[in-house]
Amino acid sequence: MTVKQEIHVEGATVPVYLYEKDGITYYEFDTSELGPPEPMVNALSVLKLIDSPQKRAVMINHKKPMGLFDKISDRFDYKVEELDGKYRIEFWLKGNR
């Protein structure tokens, strides 16, 4: 079982949870109930924590954040998975899959 611990992230307006799985540290947050610009604000705050190949961010959102993708695509890669009408987006540093 994965234990998630809530952490404080400067600039985030939603809870952010830290957990480890398979040697990777994850920072997970849910913006699915928020309207613009809150999902992008939170994502940019959490993405500041992704500074090594062993760290990932996981965003749960109500839609694919296309504006965010455009803004971060020079530094981060990501994958999108649909989950019961919401989207799970996992981000990592470019070139570190």
N, C-alpha and C. Protein backbone atom coordinates (compact mmCIF):
# COMPACT_ATOMS: atom_id res chain seq x y z
N MET A 1 0.83 -1.18 0.00
CA MET A 1 0.00 0.00 0.00
C MET A 1 0.88 1.25 0.00
N THR A 2 0.54 2.20 -0.83
CA THR A 2 1.29 3.44 -0.93
C THR A 2 0.75 4.44 0.08
N VAL A 3 1.63 4.98 0.91
CA VAL A 3 1.24 5.97 1.91
C VAL A 3 1.49 7.35 1.33
N LYS A 4 0.45 8.17 1.30
CA LYS A 4 0.56 9.53 0.78
C LYS A 4 0.60 10.50 1.95
N GLN A 5 1.52 11.44 1.86
CA GLN A 5 1.68 12.45 2.91
C GLN A 5 1.42 13.82 2.30
N GLU A 6 0.53 14.60 2.93
CA GLU A 6 0.27 15.95 2.43
C GLU A 6 1.46 16.85 2.75
N ILE A 7 1.88 17.63 1.76
CA ILE A 7 2.99 18.55 1.94
C ILE A 7 2.57 19.97 1.54
N HIS A 8 3.31 20.95 2.01
CA HIS A 8 3.06 22.34 1.62
C HIS A 8 3.89 22.65 0.38
N VAL A 9 3.25 23.19 -0.64
CA VAL A 9 3.95 23.62 -1.86
C VAL A 9 3.64 25.09 -2.07
N GLU A 10 4.69 25.90 -2.10
CA GLU A 10 4.54 27.34 -2.30
C GLU A 10 3.75 27.63 -3.58
N GLY A 11 2.67 28.40 -3.46
CA GLY A 11 1.86 28.78 -4.62
C GLY A 11 0.70 27.85 -4.93
N ALA A 12 0.68 26.66 -4.34
CA ALA A 12 -0.41 25.71 -4.60
C ALA A 12 -1.64 26.08 -3.77
N THR A 13 -2.82 25.94 -4.37
CA THR A 13 -4.07 26.24 -3.67
C THR A 13 -4.89 24.98 -3.40
N VAL A 14 -4.33 23.83 -3.74
CA VAL A 14 -4.96 22.54 -3.46
C VAL A 14 -3.96 21.68 -2.67
N PRO A 15 -4.44 20.67 -1.97
CA PRO A 15 -3.50 19.79 -1.28
C PRO A 15 -2.58 19.07 -2.28
N VAL A 16 -1.34 18.92 -1.89
CA VAL A 16 -0.36 18.18 -2.69
C VAL A 16 0.13 17.03 -1.83
N TYR A 17 0.14 15.84 -2.42
CA TYR A 17 0.52 14.64 -1.68
C TYR A 17 1.81 14.07 -2.23
N LEU A 18 2.69 13.69 -1.33
CA LEU A 18 3.98 13.10 -1.65
C LEU A 18 3.91 11.61 -1.36
N TYR A 19 4.40 10.79 -2.30
CA TYR A 19 4.53 9.35 -2.05
C TYR A 19 5.62 8.78 -2.95
N GLU A 20 6.08 7.60 -2.59
CA GLU A 20 7.09 6.92 -3.39
C GLU A 20 6.55 5.61 -3.90
N LYS A 21 6.97 5.27 -5.13
CA LYS A 21 6.57 4.01 -5.74
C LYS A 21 7.67 3.60 -6.71
N ASP A 22 8.18 2.41 -6.54
CA ASP A 22 9.23 1.86 -7.42
C ASP A 22 10.44 2.79 -7.55
N GLY A 23 10.83 3.40 -6.44
CA GLY A 23 12.01 4.26 -6.44
C GLY A 23 11.79 5.65 -7.02
N ILE A 24 10.55 5.98 -7.36
CA ILE A 24 10.21 7.30 -7.91
C ILE A 24 9.41 8.06 -6.87
N THR A 25 9.73 9.34 -6.68
CA THR A 25 8.97 10.22 -5.80
C THR A 25 7.90 10.93 -6.63
N TYR A 26 6.67 10.85 -6.16
CA TYR A 26 5.54 11.48 -6.85
C TYR A 26 4.96 12.61 -6.01
N TYR A 27 4.54 13.66 -6.70
CA TYR A 27 3.80 14.78 -6.11
C TYR A 27 2.46 14.81 -6.83
N GLU A 28 1.39 14.50 -6.11
CA GLU A 28 0.07 14.36 -6.73
C GLU A 28 -0.88 15.44 -6.22
N PHE A 29 -1.67 15.99 -7.15
CA PHE A 29 -2.65 17.02 -6.79
C PHE A 29 -3.84 16.93 -7.72
N ASP A 30 -4.99 17.39 -7.21
CA ASP A 30 -6.26 17.28 -7.94
C ASP A 30 -6.84 18.68 -8.16
N THR A 31 -6.94 19.08 -9.42
CA THR A 31 -7.52 20.38 -9.76
C THR A 31 -8.83 20.21 -10.53
N SER A 32 -9.41 19.03 -10.46
CA SER A 32 -10.58 18.72 -11.28
C SER A 32 -11.82 19.54 -10.93
N GLU A 33 -11.86 20.14 -9.76
CA GLU A 33 -13.02 20.95 -9.37
C GLU A 33 -12.78 22.45 -9.58
N LEU A 34 -11.63 22.81 -10.13
CA LEU A 34 -11.25 24.22 -10.25
C LEU A 34 -11.37 24.72 -11.68
N GLY A 35 -11.63 26.03 -11.81
CA GLY A 35 -11.66 26.67 -13.12
C GLY A 35 -10.38 27.44 -13.36
N PRO A 36 -10.19 27.91 -14.60
CA PRO A 36 -8.99 28.66 -14.94
C PRO A 36 -8.89 29.93 -14.07
N PRO A 37 -7.69 30.30 -13.70
CA PRO A 37 -6.39 29.74 -14.07
C PRO A 37 -5.83 28.77 -13.04
N GLU A 38 -6.66 28.36 -12.06
CA GLU A 38 -6.17 27.57 -10.94
C GLU A 38 -5.43 26.27 -11.32
N PRO A 39 -5.93 25.46 -12.27
CA PRO A 39 -5.18 24.25 -12.62
C PRO A 39 -3.75 24.56 -13.08
N MET A 40 -3.59 25.59 -13.91
CA MET A 40 -2.25 25.92 -14.39
C MET A 40 -1.38 26.47 -13.27
N VAL A 41 -1.94 27.32 -12.43
CA VAL A 41 -1.19 27.89 -11.30
C VAL A 41 -0.66 26.77 -10.41
N ASN A 42 -1.52 25.82 -10.08
CA ASN A 42 -1.11 24.70 -9.23
C ASN A 42 -0.08 23.82 -9.92
N ALA A 43 -0.31 23.52 -11.18
CA ALA A 43 0.63 22.67 -11.92
C ALA A 43 2.01 23.32 -11.98
N LEU A 44 2.08 24.60 -12.27
CA LEU A 44 3.38 25.27 -12.35
C LEU A 44 4.07 25.29 -11.00
N SER A 45 3.31 25.42 -9.92
CA SER A 45 3.90 25.38 -8.57
C SER A 45 4.49 24.01 -8.28
N VAL A 46 3.77 22.96 -8.60
CA VAL A 46 4.24 21.60 -8.31
C VAL A 46 5.38 21.21 -9.25
N LEU A 47 5.32 21.62 -10.50
CA LEU A 47 6.37 21.25 -11.45
C LEU A 47 7.74 21.81 -11.05
N LYS A 48 7.76 22.86 -10.24
CA LYS A 48 9.04 23.39 -9.75
C LYS A 48 9.78 22.36 -8.90
N LEU A 49 9.06 21.38 -8.35
CA LEU A 49 9.66 20.36 -7.51
C LEU A 49 10.34 19.25 -8.32
N ILE A 50 10.04 19.18 -9.60
CA ILE A 50 10.55 18.10 -10.45
C ILE A 50 11.91 18.52 -10.99
N ASP A 51 12.96 18.13 -10.24
CA ASP A 51 14.31 18.56 -10.57
C ASP A 51 15.28 17.40 -10.78
N SER A 52 14.74 16.18 -10.88
CA SER A 52 15.60 15.02 -11.14
C SER A 52 14.78 13.93 -11.82
N PRO A 53 15.46 12.96 -12.44
CA PRO A 53 14.74 11.87 -13.11
C PRO A 53 13.94 10.98 -12.14
N GLN A 54 14.22 11.08 -10.84
CA GLN A 54 13.52 10.25 -9.85
C GLN A 54 12.28 10.94 -9.29
N LYS A 55 11.86 12.05 -9.89
CA LYS A 55 10.68 12.78 -9.41
C LYS A 55 9.67 12.96 -10.54
N ARG A 56 8.39 12.83 -10.18
CA ARG A 56 7.29 13.00 -11.13
C ARG A 56 6.18 13.80 -10.48
N ALA A 57 5.39 14.47 -11.29
CA ALA A 57 4.18 15.14 -10.82
C ALA A 57 2.98 14.43 -11.44
N VAL A 58 1.90 14.31 -10.67
CA VAL A 58 0.66 13.71 -11.15
C VAL A 58 -0.47 14.69 -10.89
N MET A 59 -1.11 15.10 -11.97
CA MET A 59 -2.22 16.05 -11.90
C MET A 59 -3.51 15.33 -12.29
N ILE A 60 -4.55 15.51 -11.48
CA ILE A 60 -5.88 15.02 -11.83
C ILE A 60 -6.68 16.26 -12.23
N ASN A 61 -7.26 16.25 -13.43
CA ASN A 61 -7.97 17.43 -13.91
C ASN A 61 -9.22 17.00 -14.68
N HIS A 62 -10.14 17.92 -14.86
CA HIS A 62 -11.41 17.63 -15.54
C HIS A 62 -11.27 17.61 -17.06
N LYS A 63 -10.14 18.13 -17.58
CA LYS A 63 -9.89 18.10 -19.02
C LYS A 63 -8.39 18.09 -19.26
N LYS A 64 -8.01 17.87 -20.49
CA LYS A 64 -6.59 17.93 -20.84
C LYS A 64 -6.16 19.40 -20.82
N PRO A 65 -5.15 19.74 -20.03
CA PRO A 65 -4.73 21.15 -19.93
C PRO A 65 -3.81 21.56 -21.09
N MET A 66 -4.41 21.80 -22.24
CA MET A 66 -3.63 22.06 -23.46
C MET A 66 -2.74 23.30 -23.33
N GLY A 67 -3.24 24.35 -22.69
CA GLY A 67 -2.43 25.56 -22.49
C GLY A 67 -1.21 25.28 -21.63
N LEU A 68 -1.38 24.42 -20.63
CA LEU A 68 -0.25 24.03 -19.78
C LEU A 68 0.76 23.24 -20.60
N PHE A 69 0.29 22.31 -21.42
CA PHE A 69 1.20 21.51 -22.23
C PHE A 69 2.08 22.41 -23.10
N ASP A 70 1.46 23.41 -23.73
CA ASP A 70 2.22 24.34 -24.58
C ASP A 70 3.27 25.07 -23.77
N LYS A 71 2.93 25.46 -22.56
CA LYS A 71 3.82 26.26 -21.72
C LYS A 71 5.03 25.47 -21.20
N ILE A 72 4.87 24.17 -20.97
CA ILE A 72 5.93 23.39 -20.30
C ILE A 72 6.63 22.39 -21.22
N SER A 73 6.22 22.30 -22.47
CA SER A 73 6.72 21.24 -23.36
C SER A 73 8.22 21.32 -23.65
N ASP A 74 8.85 22.46 -23.42
CA ASP A 74 10.29 22.55 -23.64
C ASP A 74 11.08 21.88 -22.52
N ARG A 75 10.47 21.71 -21.34
CA ARG A 75 11.18 21.16 -20.19
C ARG A 75 10.66 19.80 -19.72
N PHE A 76 9.36 19.53 -19.97
CA PHE A 76 8.73 18.32 -19.44
C PHE A 76 8.07 17.50 -20.54
N ASP A 77 8.11 16.18 -20.34
CA ASP A 77 7.29 15.26 -21.11
C ASP A 77 6.13 14.86 -20.21
N TYR A 78 5.09 14.26 -20.80
CA TYR A 78 3.92 13.89 -20.02
C TYR A 78 3.15 12.80 -20.74
N LYS A 79 2.32 12.12 -19.97
CA LYS A 79 1.36 11.18 -20.56
C LYS A 79 0.01 11.43 -19.92
N VAL A 80 -1.03 11.23 -20.71
CA VAL A 80 -2.40 11.50 -20.28
C VAL A 80 -3.18 10.19 -20.28
N GLU A 81 -3.92 9.98 -19.20
CA GLU A 81 -4.74 8.79 -19.06
C GLU A 81 -6.13 9.23 -18.62
N GLU A 82 -7.17 8.74 -19.30
CA GLU A 82 -8.54 9.09 -18.92
C GLU A 82 -9.02 8.16 -17.81
N LEU A 83 -9.61 8.76 -16.77
CA LEU A 83 -10.12 8.01 -15.62
C LEU A 83 -11.52 8.48 -15.27
N ASP A 84 -12.52 7.73 -15.62
CA ASP A 84 -13.90 8.04 -15.23
C ASP A 84 -14.28 9.51 -15.46
N GLY A 85 -14.03 10.02 -16.64
CA GLY A 85 -14.41 11.39 -16.97
C GLY A 85 -13.42 12.45 -16.53
N LYS A 86 -12.37 12.04 -15.85
CA LYS A 86 -11.29 12.96 -15.47
C LYS A 86 -10.02 12.50 -16.18
N TYR A 87 -8.98 13.31 -16.06
CA TYR A 87 -7.72 12.97 -16.69
C TYR A 87 -6.60 12.93 -15.65
N ARG A 88 -5.77 11.91 -15.76
CA ARG A 88 -4.57 11.79 -14.93
C ARG A 88 -3.39 12.12 -15.84
N ILE A 89 -2.66 13.17 -15.50
CA ILE A 89 -1.52 13.58 -16.31
C ILE A 89 -0.27 13.42 -15.47
N GLU A 90 0.67 12.65 -15.98
CA GLU A 90 1.95 12.43 -15.28
C GLU A 90 3.04 13.19 -16.03
N PHE A 91 3.83 13.96 -15.29
CA PHE A 91 4.89 14.79 -15.86
C PHE A 91 6.25 14.33 -15.36
N TRP A 92 7.27 14.42 -16.21
CA TRP A 92 8.65 14.14 -15.83
C TRP A 92 9.56 14.99 -16.68
N LEU A 93 10.80 15.15 -16.23
CA LEU A 93 11.77 15.94 -16.99
C LEU A 93 12.00 15.34 -18.36
N LYS A 94 12.10 16.17 -19.36
CA LYS A 94 12.33 15.72 -20.73
C LYS A 94 13.56 14.82 -20.82
N GLY A 95 13.42 13.73 -21.54
CA GLY A 95 14.54 12.82 -21.73
C GLY A 95 14.74 11.82 -20.60
N ASN A 96 13.85 11.80 -19.62
CA ASN A 96 13.97 10.89 -18.47
C ASN A 96 12.71 10.08 -18.27
N ARG A 97 12.49 9.10 -19.07
CA ARG A 97 11.28 8.27 -18.96
C ARG A 97 11.47 7.19 -17.99
